[in-house]
Amino acid sequence: MVTGNKATIEKTMQMGLGEALERLLRLHNVVSQAVGSPAQVDEYNMILEALNETKLDLGFDCDLDGVPDTVAIFAESAKTGCCRILPADTSRRKSKPTSRRRR
């Protein structure tokens, strides 16, 4: 893209979700053991940030009242195994145009 006298080069790449998760897990091992290089820490944070751009609708109804419970219910559900994933309510989602982040 050329603007006036300034040329800007846009560098992007795509990575499959499985590949991103695999790379994130490998980087997590070295970063969490404090043996990762600054470049590995940056890559870990960049992949994590990119993955967090995708939001998942999760709803758990452990008391079967039809209302999704809060995150605090995870500890209880681990003991009882009573939770199940509810169908996504997509009416809450805002429709927004997809945009690519520039780096």
PDB file of N, CA and C in Angstrom:
ATOM      1  N   MET A   1       0.844  -1.166   0.000  1.00  0.00           N
ATOM      2  CA  MET A   1       0.000   0.000   0.000  1.00  0.00           C
ATOM      3  C   MET A   1       0.890   1.230   0.000  1.00  0.00           C
ATOM      4  N   VAL A   2       0.638   2.150  -0.878  1.00  0.00           N
ATOM      5  CA  VAL A   2       1.444   3.360  -0.975  1.00  0.00           C
ATOM      6  C   VAL A   2       0.576   4.551  -0.605  1.00  0.00           C
ATOM      7  N   THR A   3       1.070   5.340   0.334  1.00  0.00           N
ATOM      8  CA  THR A   3       0.361   6.534   0.760  1.00  0.00           C
ATOM      9  C   THR A   3       1.316   7.703   0.618  1.00  0.00           C
ATOM     10  N   GLY A   4       1.019   8.606  -0.312  1.00  0.00           N
ATOM     11  CA  GLY A   4       1.918   9.731  -0.528  1.00  0.00           C
ATOM     12  C   GLY A   4       3.287   9.222  -0.923  1.00  0.00           C
ATOM     13  N   ASN A   5       4.314   9.657  -0.218  1.00  0.00           N
ATOM     14  CA  ASN A   5       5.675   9.215  -0.488  1.00  0.00           C
ATOM     15  C   ASN A   5       6.084   8.027   0.380  1.00  0.00           C
ATOM     16  N   LYS A   6       5.198   7.605   1.275  1.00  0.00           N
ATOM     17  CA  LYS A   6       5.543   6.532   2.206  1.00  0.00           C
ATOM     18  C   LYS A   6       4.981   5.205   1.707  1.00  0.00           C
ATOM     19  N   ALA A   7       5.819   4.214   1.637  1.00  0.00           N
ATOM     20  CA  ALA A   7       5.370   2.874   1.264  1.00  0.00           C
ATOM     21  C   ALA A   7       5.255   2.041   2.529  1.00  0.00           C
ATOM     22  N   THR A   8       4.144   1.344   2.678  1.00  0.00           N
ATOM     23  CA  THR A   8       3.940   0.484   3.836  1.00  0.00           C
ATOM     24  C   THR A   8       3.801  -0.945   3.349  1.00  0.00           C
ATOM     25  N   ILE A   9       4.503  -1.834   3.968  1.00  0.00           N
ATOM     26  CA  ILE A   9       4.428  -3.243   3.606  1.00  0.00           C
ATOM     27  C   ILE A   9       3.645  -3.958   4.695  1.00  0.00           C
ATOM     28  N   GLU A  10       2.577  -4.620   4.289  1.00  0.00           N
ATOM     29  CA  GLU A  10       1.751  -5.358   5.233  1.00  0.00           C
ATOM     30  C   GLU A  10       2.181  -6.812   5.211  1.00  0.00           C
ATOM     31  N   LYS A  11       2.621  -7.314   6.341  1.00  0.00           N
ATOM     32  CA  LYS A  11       3.081  -8.699   6.425  1.00  0.00           C
ATOM     33  C   LYS A  11       2.099  -9.472   7.285  1.00  0.00           C
ATOM     34  N   THR A  12       1.455 -10.444   6.697  1.00  0.00           N
ATOM     35  CA  THR A  12       0.535 -11.295   7.446  1.00  0.00           C
ATOM     36  C   THR A  12       0.791 -12.737   7.069  1.00  0.00           C
ATOM     37  N   MET A  13       0.306 -13.626   7.892  1.00  0.00           N
ATOM     38  CA  MET A  13       0.367 -15.049   7.604  1.00  0.00           C
ATOM     39  C   MET A  13      -0.833 -15.700   8.250  1.00  0.00           C
ATOM     40  N   GLN A  14      -1.142 -16.873   7.799  1.00  0.00           N
ATOM     41  CA  GLN A  14      -2.226 -17.621   8.407  1.00  0.00           C
ATOM     42  C   GLN A  14      -1.660 -18.891   9.003  1.00  0.00           C
ATOM     43  N   MET A  15      -2.280 -19.311  10.102  1.00  0.00           N
ATOM     44  CA  MET A  15      -1.856 -20.522  10.794  1.00  0.00           C
ATOM     45  C   MET A  15      -3.125 -21.276  11.146  1.00  0.00           C
ATOM     46  N   GLY A  16      -3.125 -22.572  10.913  1.00  0.00           N
ATOM     47  CA  GLY A  16      -4.268 -23.389  11.296  1.00  0.00           C
ATOM     48  C   GLY A  16      -4.445 -23.406  12.806  1.00  0.00           C
ATOM     49  N   LEU A  17      -5.664 -23.598  13.247  1.00  0.00           N
ATOM     50  CA  LEU A  17      -5.942 -23.610  14.683  1.00  0.00           C
ATOM     51  C   LEU A  17      -5.143 -24.699  15.398  1.00  0.00           C
ATOM     52  N   GLY A  18      -5.103 -25.889  14.818  1.00  0.00           N
ATOM     53  CA  GLY A  18      -4.338 -26.983  15.425  1.00  0.00           C
ATOM     54  C   GLY A  18      -2.859 -26.662  15.495  1.00  0.00           C
ATOM     55  N   GLU A  19      -2.341 -26.083  14.425  1.00  0.00           N
ATOM     56  CA  GLU A  19      -0.929 -25.702  14.395  1.00  0.00           C
ATOM     57  C   GLU A  19      -0.638 -24.632  15.443  1.00  0.00           C
ATOM     58  N   ALA A  20      -1.552 -23.666  15.577  1.00  0.00           N
ATOM     59  CA  ALA A  20      -1.367 -22.607  16.572  1.00  0.00           C
ATOM     60  C   ALA A  20      -1.385 -23.179  17.983  1.00  0.00           C
ATOM     61  N   LEU A  21      -2.312 -24.095  18.240  1.00  0.00           N
ATOM     62  CA  LEU A  21      -2.375 -24.697  19.576  1.00  0.00           C
ATOM     63  C   LEU A  21      -1.141 -25.541  19.868  1.00  0.00           C
ATOM     64  N   GLU A  22      -0.699 -26.292  18.873  1.00  0.00           N
ATOM     65  CA  GLU A  22       0.505 -27.101  19.063  1.00  0.00           C
ATOM     66  C   GLU A  22       1.716 -26.216  19.362  1.00  0.00           C
ATOM     67  N   ARG A  23       1.867 -25.142  18.594  1.00  0.00           N
ATOM     68  CA  ARG A  23       2.986 -24.226  18.808  1.00  0.00           C
ATOM     69  C   ARG A  23       2.865 -23.537  20.170  1.00  0.00           C
ATOM     70  N   LEU A  24       1.651 -23.137  20.532  1.00  0.00           N
ATOM     71  CA  LEU A  24       1.427 -22.488  21.830  1.00  0.00           C
ATOM     72  C   LEU A  24       1.823 -23.419  22.973  1.00  0.00           C
ATOM     73  N   LEU A  25       1.451 -24.677  22.875  1.00  0.00           N
ATOM     74  CA  LEU A  25       1.793 -25.636  23.936  1.00  0.00           C
ATOM     75  C   LEU A  25       3.299 -25.839  24.041  1.00  0.00           C
ATOM     76  N   ARG A  26       3.969 -25.929  22.899  1.00  0.00           N
ATOM     77  CA  ARG A  26       5.426 -26.080  22.932  1.00  0.00           C
ATOM     78  C   ARG A  26       6.089 -24.848  23.550  1.00  0.00           C
ATOM     79  N   LEU A  27       5.608 -23.672  23.152  1.00  0.00           N
ATOM     80  CA  LEU A  27       6.167 -22.441  23.713  1.00  0.00           C
ATOM     81  C   LEU A  27       5.829 -22.305  25.189  1.00  0.00           C
ATOM     82  N   HIS A  28       4.631 -22.746  25.572  1.00  0.00           N
ATOM     83  CA  HIS A  28       4.227 -22.672  26.981  1.00  0.00           C
ATOM     84  C   HIS A  28       5.214 -23.444  27.859  1.00  0.00           C
ATOM     85  N   ASN A  29       5.657 -24.590  27.364  1.00  0.00           N
ATOM     86  CA  ASN A  29       6.616 -25.392  28.147  1.00  0.00           C
ATOM     87  C   ASN A  29       7.902 -24.624  28.418  1.00  0.00           C
ATOM     88  N   VAL A  30       8.478 -23.992  27.416  1.00  0.00           N
ATOM     89  CA  VAL A  30       9.739 -23.283  27.640  1.00  0.00           C
ATOM     90  C   VAL A  30       9.524 -21.968  28.381  1.00  0.00           C
ATOM     91  N   VAL A  31       8.412 -21.288  28.096  1.00  0.00           N
ATOM     92  CA  VAL A  31       8.146 -20.009  28.769  1.00  0.00           C
ATOM     93  C   VAL A  31       7.849 -20.233  30.250  1.00  0.00           C
ATOM     94  N   SER A  32       7.036 -21.248  30.565  1.00  0.00           N
ATOM     95  CA  SER A  32       6.683 -21.497  31.968  1.00  0.00           C
ATOM     96  C   SER A  32       7.862 -21.990  32.795  1.00  0.00           C
ATOM     97  N   GLN A  33       8.867 -22.575  32.139  1.00  0.00           N
ATOM     98  CA  GLN A  33      10.072 -23.018  32.855  1.00  0.00           C
ATOM     99  C   GLN A  33      11.140 -21.928  32.893  1.00  0.00           C
ATOM    100  N   ALA A  34      10.797 -20.751  32.385  1.00  0.00           N
ATOM    101  CA  ALA A  34      11.691 -19.583  32.378  1.00  0.00           C
ATOM    102  C   ALA A  34      12.994 -19.848  31.624  1.00  0.00           C
ATOM    103  N   VAL A  35      12.921 -20.688  30.587  1.00  0.00           N
ATOM    104  CA  VAL A  35      14.106 -20.932  29.772  1.00  0.00           C
ATOM    105  C   VAL A  35      13.903 -20.438  28.337  1.00  0.00           C
ATOM    106  N   GLY A  36      12.762 -19.837  28.076  1.00  0.00           N
ATOM    107  CA  GLY A  36      12.471 -19.332  26.738  1.00  0.00           C
ATOM    108  C   GLY A  36      13.183 -18.023  26.470  1.00  0.00           C
ATOM    109  N   SER A  37      13.556 -17.831  25.219  1.00  0.00           N
ATOM    110  CA  SER A  37      14.193 -16.580  24.814  1.00  0.00           C
ATOM    111  C   SER A  37      13.139 -15.477  24.755  1.00  0.00           C
ATOM    112  N   PRO A  38      13.559 -14.217  24.749  1.00  0.00           N
ATOM    113  CA  PRO A  38      12.582 -13.126  24.598  1.00  0.00           C
ATOM    114  C   PRO A  38      11.745 -13.278  23.331  1.00  0.00           C
ATOM    115  N   ALA A  39      12.342 -13.785  22.252  1.00  0.00           N
ATOM    116  CA  ALA A  39      11.589 -13.998  21.012  1.00  0.00           C
ATOM    117  C   ALA A  39      10.521 -15.069  21.197  1.00  0.00           C
ATOM    118  N   GLN A  40      10.818 -16.113  21.965  1.00  0.00           N
ATOM    119  CA  GLN A  40       9.836 -17.164  22.231  1.00  0.00           C
ATOM    120  C   GLN A  40       8.702 -16.647  23.105  1.00  0.00           C
ATOM    121  N   VAL A  41       9.025 -15.809  24.069  1.00  0.00           N
ATOM    122  CA  VAL A  41       7.994 -15.202  24.915  1.00  0.00           C
ATOM    123  C   VAL A  41       7.091 -14.320  24.060  1.00  0.00           C
ATOM    124  N   ASP A  42       7.681 -13.523  23.176  1.00  0.00           N
ATOM    125  CA  ASP A  42       6.892 -12.660  22.285  1.00  0.00           C
ATOM    126  C   ASP A  42       5.988 -13.485  21.374  1.00  0.00           C
ATOM    127  N   GLU A  43       6.528 -14.574  20.817  1.00  0.00           N
ATOM    128  CA  GLU A  43       5.729 -15.429  19.937  1.00  0.00           C
ATOM    129  C   GLU A  43       4.582 -16.075  20.708  1.00  0.00           C
ATOM    130  N   TYR A  44       4.864 -16.528  21.918  1.00  0.00           N
ATOM    131  CA  TYR A  44       3.834 -17.119  22.780  1.00  0.00           C
ATOM    132  C   TYR A  44       2.704 -16.120  23.008  1.00  0.00           C
ATOM    133  N   ASN A  45       3.068 -14.901  23.382  1.00  0.00           N
ATOM    134  CA  ASN A  45       2.061 -13.869  23.644  1.00  0.00           C
ATOM    135  C   ASN A  45       1.290 -13.507  22.381  1.00  0.00           C
ATOM    136  N   MET A  46       1.965 -13.468  21.233  1.00  0.00           N
ATOM    137  CA  MET A  46       1.313 -13.128  19.981  1.00  0.00           C
ATOM    138  C   MET A  46       0.290 -14.204  19.592  1.00  0.00           C
ATOM    139  N   ILE A  47       0.659 -15.472  19.713  1.00  0.00           N
ATOM    140  CA  ILE A  47      -0.271 -16.557  19.381  1.00  0.00           C
ATOM    141  C   ILE A  47      -1.445 -16.556  20.345  1.00  0.00           C
ATOM    142  N   LEU A  48      -1.174 -16.368  21.624  1.00  0.00           N
ATOM    143  CA  LEU A  48      -2.243 -16.334  22.617  1.00  0.00           C
ATOM    144  C   LEU A  48      -3.205 -15.187  22.336  1.00  0.00           C
ATOM    145  N   GLU A  49      -2.671 -14.027  22.005  1.00  0.00           N
ATOM    146  CA  GLU A  49      -3.512 -12.868  21.670  1.00  0.00           C
ATOM    147  C   GLU A  49      -4.371 -13.166  20.440  1.00  0.00           C
ATOM    148  N   ALA A  50      -3.778 -13.774  19.427  1.00  0.00           N
ATOM    149  CA  ALA A  50      -4.522 -14.104  18.208  1.00  0.00           C
ATOM    150  C   ALA A  50      -5.629 -15.117  18.501  1.00  0.00           C
ATOM    151  N   LEU A  51      -5.329 -16.137  19.303  1.00  0.00           N
ATOM    152  CA  LEU A  51      -6.342 -17.133  19.642  1.00  0.00           C
ATOM    153  C   LEU A  51      -7.476 -16.520  20.460  1.00  0.00           C
ATOM    154  N   ASN A  52      -7.166 -15.539  21.287  1.00  0.00           N
ATOM    155  CA  ASN A  52      -8.192 -14.903  22.110  1.00  0.00           C
ATOM    156  C   ASN A  52      -9.096 -13.974  21.315  1.00  0.00           C
ATOM    157  N   GLU A  53      -8.799 -13.753  20.040  1.00  0.00           N
ATOM    158  CA  GLU A  53      -9.692 -12.990  19.169  1.00  0.00           C
ATOM    159  C   GLU A  53     -10.956 -13.787  18.861  1.00  0.00           C
ATOM    160  N   THR A  54     -10.886 -15.102  18.999  1.00  0.00           N
ATOM    161  CA  THR A  54     -12.046 -15.957  18.788  1.00  0.00           C
ATOM    162  C   THR A  54     -12.692 -16.207  20.140  1.00  0.00           C
ATOM    163  N   LYS A  55     -13.950 -15.871  20.241  1.00  0.00           N
ATOM    164  CA  LYS A  55     -14.668 -16.038  21.504  1.00  0.00           C
ATOM    165  C   LYS A  55     -15.575 -17.259  21.422  1.00  0.00           C
ATOM    166  N   LEU A  56     -15.620 -18.034  22.481  1.00  0.00           N
ATOM    167  CA  LEU A  56     -16.483 -19.196  22.577  1.00  0.00           C
ATOM    168  C   LEU A  56     -17.628 -18.898  23.529  1.00  0.00           C
ATOM    169  N   ASP A  57     -18.828 -19.280  23.139  1.00  0.00           N
ATOM    170  CA  ASP A  57     -19.973 -19.153  24.028  1.00  0.00           C
ATOM    171  C   ASP A  57     -20.099 -20.457  24.798  1.00  0.00           C
ATOM    172  N   LEU A  58     -19.845 -20.401  26.083  1.00  0.00           N
ATOM    173  CA  LEU A  58     -19.983 -21.579  26.931  1.00  0.00           C
ATOM    174  C   LEU A  58     -21.026 -21.285  27.993  1.00  0.00           C
ATOM    175  N   GLY A  59     -21.939 -22.190  28.170  1.00  0.00           N
ATOM    176  CA  GLY A  59     -22.951 -22.021  29.204  1.00  0.00           C
ATOM    177  C   GLY A  59     -23.125 -23.327  29.939  1.00  0.00           C
ATOM    178  N   PHE A  60     -23.110 -23.288  31.236  1.00  0.00           N
ATOM    179  CA  PHE A  60     -23.273 -24.485  32.029  1.00  0.00           C
ATOM    180  C   PHE A  60     -24.461 -24.301  32.963  1.00  0.00           C
ATOM    181  N   ASP A  61     -25.290 -25.328  33.046  1.00  0.00           N
ATOM    182  CA  ASP A  61     -26.488 -25.277  33.875  1.00  0.00           C
ATOM    183  C   ASP A  61     -26.485 -26.486  34.797  1.00  0.00           C
ATOM    184  N   CYS A  62     -25.771 -26.363  35.908  1.00  0.00           N
ATOM    185  CA  CYS A  62     -25.623 -27.506  36.809  1.00  0.00           C
ATOM    186  C   CYS A  62     -26.839 -27.739  37.693  1.00  0.00           C
ATOM    187  N   ASP A  63     -27.592 -26.689  37.975  1.00  0.00           N
ATOM    188  CA  ASP A  63     -28.761 -26.895  38.823  1.00  0.00           C
ATOM    189  C   ASP A  63     -30.031 -27.099  38.005  1.00  0.00           C
ATOM    190  N   LEU A  64     -29.858 -27.232  36.684  1.00  0.00           N
ATOM    191  CA  LEU A  64     -30.953 -27.542  35.757  1.00  0.00           C
ATOM    192  C   LEU A  64     -32.125 -26.570  35.834  1.00  0.00           C
ATOM    193  N   ASP A  65     -31.818 -25.275  36.101  1.00  0.00           N
ATOM    194  CA  ASP A  65     -32.896 -24.285  36.148  1.00  0.00           C
ATOM    195  C   ASP A  65     -33.073 -23.557  34.818  1.00  0.00           C
ATOM    196  N   GLY A  66     -32.308 -23.945  33.804  1.00  0.00           N
ATOM    197  CA  GLY A  66     -32.420 -23.319  32.493  1.00  0.00           C
ATOM    198  C   GLY A  66     -31.610 -22.047  32.349  1.00  0.00           C
ATOM    199  N   VAL A  67     -30.929 -21.631  33.413  1.00  0.00           N
ATOM    200  CA  VAL A  67     -30.110 -20.422  33.396  1.00  0.00           C
ATOM    201  C   VAL A  67     -28.646 -20.828  33.527  1.00  0.00           C
ATOM    202  N   PRO A  68     -27.784 -20.394  32.586  1.00  0.00           N
ATOM    203  CA  PRO A  68     -26.367 -20.765  32.710  1.00  0.00           C
ATOM    204  C   PRO A  68     -25.770 -20.278  34.024  1.00  0.00           C
ATOM    205  N   ASP A  69     -24.965 -21.129  34.628  1.00  0.00           N
ATOM    206  CA  ASP A  69     -24.312 -20.788  35.893  1.00  0.00           C
ATOM    207  C   ASP A  69     -23.013 -20.021  35.632  1.00  0.00           C
ATOM    208  N   THR A  70     -22.429 -19.487  36.702  1.00  0.00           N
ATOM    209  CA  THR A  70     -21.203 -18.696  36.589  1.00  0.00           C
ATOM    210  C   THR A  70     -19.982 -19.599  36.508  1.00  0.00           C
ATOM    211  N   VAL A  71     -18.838 -18.982  36.262  1.00  0.00           N
ATOM    212  CA  VAL A  71     -17.573 -19.718  36.165  1.00  0.00           C
ATOM    213  C   VAL A  71     -17.263 -20.438  37.478  1.00  0.00           C
ATOM    214  N   ALA A  72     -17.714 -19.918  38.595  1.00  0.00           N
ATOM    215  CA  ALA A  72     -17.439 -20.533  39.895  1.00  0.00           C
ATOM    216  C   ALA A  72     -17.983 -21.956  39.981  1.00  0.00           C
ATOM    217  N   ILE A  73     -18.924 -22.294  39.120  1.00  0.00           N
ATOM    218  CA  ILE A  73     -19.527 -23.616  39.179  1.00  0.00           C
ATOM    219  C   ILE A  73     -18.582 -24.710  38.686  1.00  0.00           C
ATOM    220  N   PHE A  74     -17.488 -24.337  38.008  1.00  0.00           N
ATOM    221  CA  PHE A  74     -16.549 -25.341  37.510  1.00  0.00           C
ATOM    222  C   PHE A  74     -16.016 -26.224  38.629  1.00  0.00           C
ATOM    223  N   ALA A  75     -15.693 -25.641  39.763  1.00  0.00           N
ATOM    224  CA  ALA A  75     -15.162 -26.430  40.877  1.00  0.00           C
ATOM    225  C   ALA A  75     -16.191 -27.449  41.349  1.00  0.00           C
ATOM    226  N   GLU A  76     -17.435 -27.021  41.453  1.00  0.00           N
ATOM    227  CA  GLU A  76     -18.498 -27.931  41.883  1.00  0.00           C
ATOM    228  C   GLU A  76     -18.748 -29.014  40.837  1.00  0.00           C
ATOM    229  N   SER A  77     -18.730 -28.626  39.571  1.00  0.00           N
ATOM    230  CA  SER A  77     -19.015 -29.608  38.528  1.00  0.00           C
ATOM    231  C   SER A  77     -17.915 -30.659  38.418  1.00  0.00           C
ATOM    232  N   ALA A  78     -16.708 -30.287  38.792  1.00  0.00           N
ATOM    233  CA  ALA A  78     -15.624 -31.274  38.782  1.00  0.00           C
ATOM    234  C   ALA A  78     -15.901 -32.383  39.793  1.00  0.00           C
ATOM    235  N   LYS A  79     -16.586 -32.042  40.872  1.00  0.00           N
ATOM    236  CA  LYS A  79     -16.918 -33.031  41.896  1.00  0.00           C
ATOM    237  C   LYS A  79     -18.101 -33.900  41.480  1.00  0.00           C
ATOM    238  N   THR A  80     -19.097 -33.282  40.835  1.00  0.00           N
ATOM    239  CA  THR A  80     -20.342 -34.002  40.554  1.00  0.00           C
ATOM    240  C   THR A  80     -20.497 -34.461  39.115  1.00  0.00           C
ATOM    241  N   GLY A  81     -19.830 -33.814  38.187  1.00  0.00           N
ATOM    242  CA  GLY A  81     -19.969 -34.166  36.778  1.00  0.00           C
ATOM    243  C   GLY A  81     -21.346 -33.836  36.225  1.00  0.00           C
ATOM    244  N   CYS A  82     -22.055 -32.898  36.843  1.00  0.00           N
ATOM    245  CA  CYS A  82     -23.437 -32.622  36.456  1.00  0.00           C
ATOM    246  C   CYS A  82     -23.573 -31.629  35.304  1.00  0.00           C
ATOM    247  N   CYS A  83     -22.528 -30.909  34.961  1.00  0.00           N
ATOM    248  CA  CYS A  83     -22.656 -29.858  33.956  1.00  0.00           C
ATOM    249  C   CYS A  83     -22.630 -30.406  32.547  1.00  0.00           C
ATOM    250  N   ARG A  84     -23.290 -29.679  31.682  1.00  0.00           N
ATOM    251  CA  ARG A  84     -23.264 -29.993  30.267  1.00  0.00           C
ATOM    252  C   ARG A  84     -23.181 -28.694  29.492  1.00  0.00           C
ATOM    253  N   ILE A  85     -22.715 -28.757  28.281  1.00  0.00           N
ATOM    254  CA  ILE A  85     -22.612 -27.563  27.441  1.00  0.00           C
ATOM    255  C   ILE A  85     -23.995 -27.283  26.855  1.00  0.00           C
ATOM    256  N   LEU A  86     -24.442 -26.041  26.971  1.00  0.00           N
ATOM    257  CA  LEU A  86     -25.735 -25.627  26.442  1.00  0.00           C
ATOM    258  C   LEU A  86     -25.582 -25.141  25.010  1.00  0.00           C
ATOM    259  N   PRO A  87     -26.642 -25.185  24.224  1.00  0.00           N
ATOM    260  CA  PRO A  87     -26.568 -24.634  22.870  1.00  0.00           C
ATOM    261  C   PRO A  87     -26.213 -23.147  22.927  1.00  0.00           C
ATOM    262  N   ALA A  88     -25.455 -22.705  21.949  1.00  0.00           N
ATOM    263  CA  ALA A  88     -25.027 -21.309  21.914  1.00  0.00           C
ATOM    264  C   ALA A  88     -26.200 -20.397  21.617  1.00  0.00           C
ATOM    265  N   ASP A  89     -26.269 -19.311  22.343  1.00  0.00           N
ATOM    266  CA  ASP A  89     -27.255 -18.267  22.094  1.00  0.00           C
ATOM    267  C   ASP A  89     -26.550 -17.199  21.271  1.00  0.00           C
ATOM    268  N   THR A  90     -26.678 -17.276  19.970  1.00  0.00           N
ATOM    269  CA  THR A  90     -25.948 -16.356  19.105  1.00  0.00           C
ATOM    270  C   THR A  90     -26.607 -14.990  19.021  1.00  0.00           C
ATOM    271  N   SER A  91     -27.756 -14.812  19.651  1.00  0.00           N
ATOM    272  CA  SER A  91     -28.418 -13.503  19.606  1.00  0.00           C
ATOM    273  C   SER A  91     -27.625 -12.452  20.373  1.00  0.00           C
ATOM    274  N   ARG A  92     -26.743 -12.891  21.286  1.00  0.00           N
ATOM    275  CA  ARG A  92     -25.939 -11.944  22.061  1.00  0.00           C
ATOM    276  C   ARG A  92     -24.774 -11.392  21.267  1.00  0.00           C
ATOM    277  N   ARG A  93     -24.406 -12.076  20.203  1.00  0.00           N
ATOM    278  CA  ARG A  93     -23.231 -11.673  19.438  1.00  0.00           C
ATOM    279  C   ARG A  93     -23.532 -10.453  18.597  1.00  0.00           C
ATOM    280  N   LYS A  94     -22.587  -9.533  18.593  1.00  0.00           N
ATOM    281  CA  LYS A  94     -22.677  -8.377  17.724  1.00  0.00           C
ATOM    282  C   LYS A  94     -22.120  -8.788  16.378  1.00  0.00           C
ATOM    283  N   SER A  95     -22.813  -8.431  15.324  1.00  0.00           N
ATOM    284  CA  SER A  95     -22.220  -8.731  14.020  1.00  0.00           C
ATOM    285  C   SER A  95     -21.288  -7.588  13.683  1.00  0.00           C
ATOM    286  N   LYS A  96     -20.055  -7.936  13.417  1.00  0.00           N
ATOM    287  CA  LYS A  96     -19.071  -6.919  13.096  1.00  0.00           C
ATOM    288  C   LYS A  96     -18.277  -7.401  11.906  1.00  0.00           C
ATOM    289  N   PRO A  97     -17.824  -6.487  11.093  1.00  0.00           N
ATOM    290  CA  PRO A  97     -17.031  -6.902   9.945  1.00  0.00           C
ATOM    291  C   PRO A  97     -15.707  -7.485  10.413  1.00  0.00           C
ATOM    292  N   THR A  98     -15.253  -8.486   9.700  1.00  0.00           N
ATOM    293  CA  THR A  98     -13.972  -9.077  10.071  1.00  0.00           C
ATOM    294  C   THR A  98     -12.857  -8.157   9.618  1.00  0.00           C
ATOM    295  N   SER A  99     -11.876  -8.001  10.481  1.00  0.00           N
ATOM    296  CA  SER A  99     -10.738  -7.156  10.144  1.00  0.00           C
ATOM    297  C   SER A  99      -9.474  -7.889  10.521  1.00  0.00           C
ATOM    298  N   ARG A 100      -8.434  -7.585   9.829  1.00  0.00           N
ATOM    299  CA  ARG A 100      -7.145  -8.193  10.119  1.00  0.00           C
ATOM    300  C   ARG A 100      -6.302  -7.201  10.875  1.00  0.00           C
ATOM    301  N   ARG A 101      -5.636  -7.687  11.893  1.00  0.00           N
ATOM    302  CA  ARG A 101      -4.749  -6.832  12.695  1.00  0.00           C
ATOM    303  C   ARG A 101      -3.455  -6.642  11.928  1.00  0.00           C
ATOM    304  N   ARG A 102      -2.952  -5.460  11.962  1.00  0.00           N
ATOM    305  CA  ARG A 102      -1.683  -5.163  11.313  1.00  0.00           C
ATOM    306  C   ARG A 102      -0.593  -5.129  12.351  1.00  0.00           C
ATOM    307  N   ARG A 103       0.520  -5.670  11.990  1.00  0.00           N
ATOM    308  CA  ARG A 103       1.675  -5.681  12.899  1.00  0.00           C
ATOM    309  C   ARG A 103       2.817  -4.997  12.236  1.00  0.00           C
TER     310      ARG A 103
END
